[in-house]
Protein backbone atom coordinates (compact mmCIF):
# COMPACT_ATOMS: atom_id res chain seq x y z
CA UNK A 1 130.47 170.96 60.26
CA UNK A 2 127.17 169.18 60.84
CA UNK A 3 126.94 165.31 59.25
CA UNK A 4 123.81 165.92 58.52
CA UNK A 5 123.06 161.99 57.29
CA UNK A 6 123.33 161.23 60.62
CA UNK A 7 120.34 163.73 62.42
CA UNK A 8 118.33 161.60 61.79
CA UNK A 9 115.74 159.93 64.33
CA UNK A 10 116.47 156.63 63.47
CA UNK A 11 120.06 157.49 63.42
CA UNK A 12 119.76 158.95 66.68
CA UNK A 13 118.93 156.67 68.34
CA UNK A 14 120.34 153.69 67.07
CA UNK A 15 123.81 155.95 68.52
CA UNK A 16 122.02 156.77 71.77
CA UNK A 17 119.99 153.27 72.37
CA UNK A 18 122.05 150.18 70.31
CA UNK A 19 125.30 152.00 70.30
CA UNK A 20 124.94 152.86 74.14
CA UNK A 21 127.43 156.71 73.02
CA UNK A 22 126.93 159.03 75.04
CA UNK A 23 125.40 162.35 73.84
CA UNK A 24 128.65 163.60 74.01
CA UNK A 25 130.42 161.20 72.24
CA UNK A 26 127.33 161.93 69.64
CA UNK A 27 127.33 165.70 69.45
CA UNK A 28 131.14 165.04 68.42
CA UNK A 29 130.58 162.11 65.67
CA UNK A 30 127.75 164.66 64.05
CA UNK A 31 129.99 168.02 64.43
CA UNK A 32 127.35 169.86 67.20
CA UNK A 33 127.25 170.61 70.52
CA UNK A 34 125.91 169.03 73.11
CA UNK A 35 122.79 170.77 73.66
CA UNK A 36 121.84 171.19 70.17
CA UNK A 37 122.87 167.46 69.89
CA UNK A 38 120.21 166.94 73.69
CA UNK A 39 117.69 169.06 71.93
CA UNK A 40 117.61 166.66 69.06
CA UNK A 41 117.08 163.59 70.89
CA UNK A 42 114.92 165.10 72.70
CA UNK A 43 113.01 166.47 69.62
CA UNK A 44 112.26 162.57 68.27
CA UNK A 45 111.35 161.31 71.23
CA UNK A 46 114.21 159.36 72.47
CA UNK A 47 114.36 159.10 76.01
CA UNK A 48 117.59 160.33 77.53
CA UNK A 49 118.75 158.25 80.32
CA UNK A 50 119.02 159.36 83.77
CA UNK A 51 121.88 160.26 86.02
CA UNK A 52 121.64 156.50 87.65
CA UNK A 53 121.64 154.90 84.09
CA UNK A 54 124.63 156.81 83.36
CA UNK A 55 126.92 156.35 85.65
CA UNK A 56 125.73 152.47 85.51
CA UNK A 57 126.41 152.54 82.17
CA UNK A 58 129.77 154.46 82.67
CA UNK A 59 130.56 151.04 85.06
CA UNK A 60 130.03 149.07 83.11
CA UNK A 61 132.11 149.81 79.78
CA UNK A 62 134.42 150.44 82.46
CA UNK A 63 134.30 147.12 83.12
CA UNK A 64 134.96 145.93 79.58
CA UNK A 65 137.89 148.05 79.00
CA UNK A 66 139.57 146.31 82.05
CA UNK A 67 139.15 143.08 80.97
CA UNK A 68 140.38 143.36 78.01
CA UNK A 69 142.82 144.26 79.18
CA UNK A 70 143.65 142.01 82.00
CA UNK A 71 143.60 139.62 78.84
CA UNK A 72 145.86 141.44 77.06
CA UNK A 73 148.58 141.40 80.11
């Protein structure tokens, strides 16, 4: 069942652009499929990341995780 409180432009925009969540993560959080979540992002006019932007974000997040792990050792 979808979390309708998060199914609006402001919430989706925050999750996608400010919190930098991936569509798959947002879909899980609001209880929709990847495809439906992507459709809502497009419907609300939220600009989707390019493949290159997504890959850069993955690299950045991975580096941050590795740095955090190195601090705990």
